Amino acid sequence: MQSNIFWLGYLARQGITGTIRRNGLPFTFQPNHDKPRDIAVPDQTTLLLVEGAGSIRRSLRMLYDATVWVDTAPETARQRLVELGEDPQGYHDDRMIEENSLLNADRPWAHAMFHVSGTNSATNGTVLVRRT
């Protein structure tokens, strides 16, 4: 099984973003691992977001026109997974070991063009963004 954290490397190695830039839209891709659904980009798409803790790591940054780091407190992230029912038997703890290793080595937040608060929910729907 391929790690959830590092599947974006697979996406990049398969040339998905380059294929979209060259051939245009629509585009559909089925990862050949444990992702439950296709990645589908319809032809009317004007903004493509690739999300995930590993999405702006060093080896992928050049694929994007802009990068955003969503800063969420670990306790908040865990609480959200539990509330969604997406923390089966230690999933979050195992993932955090792997994710923290990646993040500490690569420091993607230091290279993001924008930082967004993923923790502050007392903003009445306002998203807190700062340009770096």
C-alpha atoms as a PDB file:
ATOM      1  CA  MET A   1       0.000   0.000   0.000  1.00  0.00           C
ATOM      2  CA  GLN A   2       1.348   3.416  -0.924  1.00  0.00           C
ATOM      3  CA  SER A   3       1.369   6.012   1.837  1.00  0.00           C
ATOM      4  CA  ASN A   4      -1.390   8.601   1.895  1.00  0.00           C
ATOM      5  CA  ILE A   5       1.216  11.283   2.523  1.00  0.00           C
ATOM      6  CA  PHE A   6       3.406  10.487  -0.441  1.00  0.00           C
ATOM      7  CA  TRP A   7       0.803   9.704  -3.117  1.00  0.00           C
ATOM      8  CA  LEU A   8       1.235  13.223  -4.510  1.00  0.00           C
ATOM      9  CA  GLY A   9       4.710  12.154  -5.613  1.00  0.00           C
ATOM     10  CA  TYR A  10       2.996   9.496  -7.669  1.00  0.00           C
ATOM     11  CA  LEU A  11       0.687  12.142  -9.117  1.00  0.00           C
ATOM     12  CA  ALA A  12       3.709  14.234 -10.089  1.00  0.00           C
ATOM     13  CA  ARG A  13       5.728  11.286 -11.438  1.00  0.00           C
ATOM     14  CA  GLN A  14       2.828  10.326 -13.685  1.00  0.00           C
ATOM     15  CA  GLY A  15       2.929  13.831 -15.119  1.00  0.00           C
ATOM     16  CA  ILE A  16      -0.664  14.618 -14.226  1.00  0.00           C
ATOM     17  CA  THR A  17      -0.223  18.360 -13.831  1.00  0.00           C
ATOM     18  CA  GLY A  18       1.977  18.530 -16.929  1.00  0.00           C
ATOM     19  CA  THR A  19      -0.555  16.523 -18.925  1.00  0.00           C
ATOM     20  CA  ILE A  20      -3.318  18.924 -17.924  1.00  0.00           C
ATOM     21  CA  ARG A  21      -1.163  21.909 -18.920  1.00  0.00           C
ATOM     22  CA  ARG A  22      -0.317  20.341 -22.312  1.00  0.00           C
ATOM     23  CA  ASN A  23      -3.605  18.707 -23.267  1.00  0.00           C
ATOM     24  CA  GLY A  24      -6.122  20.782 -21.398  1.00  0.00           C
ATOM     25  CA  LEU A  25      -9.341  19.667 -19.805  1.00  0.00           C
ATOM     26  CA  PRO A  26     -11.392  17.654 -19.034  1.00  0.00           C
ATOM     27  CA  PHE A  27      -9.084  15.197 -17.328  1.00  0.00           C
ATOM     28  CA  THR A  28      -9.733  12.040 -15.286  1.00  0.00           C
ATOM     29  CA  PHE A  29      -7.192   9.919 -13.475  1.00  0.00           C
ATOM     30  CA  GLN A  30      -7.577   6.793 -11.337  1.00  0.00           C
ATOM     31  CA  PRO A  31      -4.728   6.352  -8.866  1.00  0.00           C
ATOM     32  CA  ASN A  32      -3.669   2.722  -8.721  1.00  0.00           C
ATOM     33  CA  HIS A  33      -3.613   2.520  -4.954  1.00  0.00           C
ATOM     34  CA  ASP A  34      -6.094   2.905  -2.116  1.00  0.00           C
ATOM     35  CA  LYS A  35      -7.715   6.190  -3.150  1.00  0.00           C
ATOM     36  CA  PRO A  36     -11.454   5.450  -3.307  1.00  0.00           C
ATOM     37  CA  ARG A  37     -12.353   7.540  -6.349  1.00  0.00           C
ATOM     38  CA  ASP A  38     -11.102   9.049  -9.574  1.00  0.00           C
ATOM     39  CA  ILE A  39      -9.486  12.447  -9.729  1.00  0.00           C
ATOM     40  CA  ALA A  40     -11.678  14.308 -12.200  1.00  0.00           C
ATOM     41  CA  VAL A  41     -11.049  17.823 -13.494  1.00  0.00           C
ATOM     42  CA  PRO A  42     -13.973  19.114 -15.609  1.00  0.00           C
ATOM     43  CA  ASP A  43     -13.438  21.281 -18.681  1.00  0.00           C
ATOM     44  CA  GLN A  44     -14.927  24.424 -17.082  1.00  0.00           C
ATOM     45  CA  THR A  45     -12.251  24.415 -14.339  1.00  0.00           C
ATOM     46  CA  THR A  46     -10.465  27.745 -13.963  1.00  0.00           C
ATOM     47  CA  LEU A  47      -8.532  26.974 -10.772  1.00  0.00           C
ATOM     48  CA  LEU A  48      -6.966  23.632  -9.878  1.00  0.00           C
ATOM     49  CA  LEU A  49      -6.044  23.076  -6.239  1.00  0.00           C
ATOM     50  CA  VAL A  50      -3.827  20.188  -5.187  1.00  0.00           C
ATOM     51  CA  GLU A  51      -4.111  19.800  -1.428  1.00  0.00           C
ATOM     52  CA  GLY A  52      -2.357  17.868   1.240  1.00  0.00           C
ATOM     53  CA  ALA A  53       0.545  18.190   3.642  1.00  0.00           C
ATOM     54  CA  GLY A  54       2.983  16.905   1.015  1.00  0.00           C
ATOM     55  CA  SER A  55       1.632  18.883  -1.907  1.00  0.00           C
ATOM     56  CA  ILE A  56       4.165  21.729  -1.745  1.00  0.00           C
ATOM     57  CA  ARG A  57       7.206  19.736  -0.812  1.00  0.00           C
ATOM     58  CA  ARG A  58      10.455  20.596  -2.565  1.00  0.00           C
ATOM     59  CA  SER A  59      10.095  18.062  -5.391  1.00  0.00           C
ATOM     60  CA  LEU A  60       6.632  19.328  -6.417  1.00  0.00           C
ATOM     61  CA  ARG A  61       6.691  23.116  -5.928  1.00  0.00           C
ATOM     62  CA  MET A  62       7.684  23.871  -9.512  1.00  0.00           C
ATOM     63  CA  LEU A  63       4.457  22.281 -10.767  1.00  0.00           C
ATOM     64  CA  TYR A  64       2.246  25.030  -9.374  1.00  0.00           C
ATOM     65  CA  ASP A  65       1.574  28.651 -10.192  1.00  0.00           C
ATOM     66  CA  ALA A  66       0.882  29.428  -6.523  1.00  0.00           C
ATOM     67  CA  THR A  67       1.199  27.623  -3.192  1.00  0.00           C
ATOM     68  CA  VAL A  68      -0.823  27.849   0.027  1.00  0.00           C
ATOM     69  CA  TRP A  69       0.006  26.468   3.458  1.00  0.00           C
ATOM     70  CA  VAL A  70      -3.034  25.805   5.659  1.00  0.00           C
ATOM     71  CA  ASP A  71      -1.816  26.016   9.242  1.00  0.00           C
ATOM     72  CA  THR A  72      -3.957  23.845  11.514  1.00  0.00           C
ATOM     73  CA  ALA A  73      -3.162  22.919  15.101  1.00  0.00           C
ATOM     74  CA  PRO A  74      -2.571  19.162  15.459  1.00  0.00           C
ATOM     75  CA  GLU A  75      -5.344  18.870  18.064  1.00  0.00           C
ATOM     76  CA  THR A  76      -7.816  20.530  15.692  1.00  0.00           C
ATOM     77  CA  ALA A  77      -6.846  18.266  12.792  1.00  0.00           C
ATOM     78  CA  ARG A  78      -7.268  15.163  14.933  1.00  0.00           C
ATOM     79  CA  GLN A  79     -10.625  16.339  16.307  1.00  0.00           C
ATOM     80  CA  ARG A  80     -11.912  16.910  12.770  1.00  0.00           C
ATOM     81  CA  LEU A  81     -10.899  13.404  11.669  1.00  0.00           C
ATOM     82  CA  VAL A  82     -12.610  11.872  14.690  1.00  0.00           C
ATOM     83  CA  GLU A  83     -15.781  13.906  14.059  1.00  0.00           C
ATOM     84  CA  LEU A  84     -15.809  12.748  10.430  1.00  0.00           C
ATOM     85  CA  GLY A  85     -15.297   9.144  11.502  1.00  0.00           C
ATOM     86  CA  GLU A  86     -11.990   8.985   9.613  1.00  0.00           C
ATOM     87  CA  ASP A  87      -9.624   7.827  12.362  1.00  0.00           C
ATOM     88  CA  PRO A  88      -9.753   4.022  12.291  1.00  0.00           C
ATOM     89  CA  GLN A  89      -7.492   2.339  14.852  1.00  0.00           C
ATOM     90  CA  GLY A  90      -4.569   4.707  15.129  1.00  0.00           C
ATOM     91  CA  TYR A  91      -4.713   6.028  11.559  1.00  0.00           C
ATOM     92  CA  HIS A  92      -4.108   9.618  12.670  1.00  0.00           C
ATOM     93  CA  ASP A  93      -1.220   8.729  14.983  1.00  0.00           C
ATOM     94  CA  ASP A  94       0.512   6.631  12.306  1.00  0.00           C
ATOM     95  CA  ARG A  95      -0.047   9.310   9.696  1.00  0.00           C
ATOM     96  CA  MET A  96       1.332  12.041  11.963  1.00  0.00           C
ATOM     97  CA  ILE A  97       4.584  10.138  12.494  1.00  0.00           C
ATOM     98  CA  GLU A  98       5.069   9.975   8.731  1.00  0.00           C
ATOM     99  CA  GLU A  99       3.776  13.477   8.030  1.00  0.00           C
ATOM    100  CA  ASN A 100       5.862  15.154  10.735  1.00  0.00           C
ATOM    101  CA  SER A 101       8.998  13.514   9.348  1.00  0.00           C
ATOM    102  CA  LEU A 102       8.234  14.947   5.909  1.00  0.00           C
ATOM    103  CA  LEU A 103       7.327  18.374   7.242  1.00  0.00           C
ATOM    104  CA  ASN A 104      10.334  18.718   9.529  1.00  0.00           C
ATOM    105  CA  ALA A 105      12.713  17.798   6.714  1.00  0.00           C
ATOM    106  CA  ASP A 106      11.131  19.947   4.017  1.00  0.00           C
ATOM    107  CA  ARG A 107       9.461  22.873   5.859  1.00  0.00           C
ATOM    108  CA  PRO A 108       6.902  23.527   3.092  1.00  0.00           C
ATOM    109  CA  TRP A 109       5.298  26.395   5.022  1.00  0.00           C
ATOM    110  CA  ALA A 110       8.504  28.376   4.580  1.00  0.00           C
ATOM    111  CA  HIS A 111       8.027  28.276   0.803  1.00  0.00           C
ATOM    112  CA  ALA A 112       4.273  28.876   0.537  1.00  0.00           C
ATOM    113  CA  MET A 113       3.128  32.066  -1.168  1.00  0.00           C
ATOM    114  CA  PHE A 114       0.132  32.312   1.163  1.00  0.00           C
ATOM    115  CA  HIS A 115      -0.634  31.109   4.679  1.00  0.00           C
ATOM    116  CA  VAL A 116      -4.221  30.355   5.722  1.00  0.00           C
ATOM    117  CA  SER A 117      -5.454  29.725   9.244  1.00  0.00           C
ATOM    118  CA  GLY A 118      -7.093  26.312   9.381  1.00  0.00           C
ATOM    119  CA  THR A 119      -7.677  26.530  13.119  1.00  0.00           C
ATOM    120  CA  ASN A 120      -9.436  29.804  13.824  1.00  0.00           C
ATOM    121  CA  SER A 121     -13.161  29.114  13.608  1.00  0.00           C
ATOM    122  CA  ALA A 122     -14.229  32.270  15.455  1.00  0.00           C
ATOM    123  CA  THR A 123     -14.085  34.411  12.310  1.00  0.00           C
ATOM    124  CA  ASN A 124     -17.747  34.051  11.251  1.00  0.00           C
ATOM    125  CA  GLY A 125     -16.778  32.401   7.982  1.00  0.00           C
ATOM    126  CA  THR A 126     -13.898  34.757   7.221  1.00  0.00           C
ATOM    127  CA  VAL A 127     -10.712  33.037   6.090  1.00  0.00           C
ATOM    128  CA  LEU A 128      -7.550  34.510   7.554  1.00  0.00           C
ATOM    129  CA  VAL A 129      -4.882  34.732   4.852  1.00  0.00           C
ATOM    130  CA  ARG A 130      -1.491  36.357   4.826  1.00  0.00           C
ATOM    131  CA  ARG A 131       0.854  36.675   1.889  1.00  0.00           C
ATOM    132  CA  THR A 132       4.407  35.577   2.601  1.00  0.00           C
END
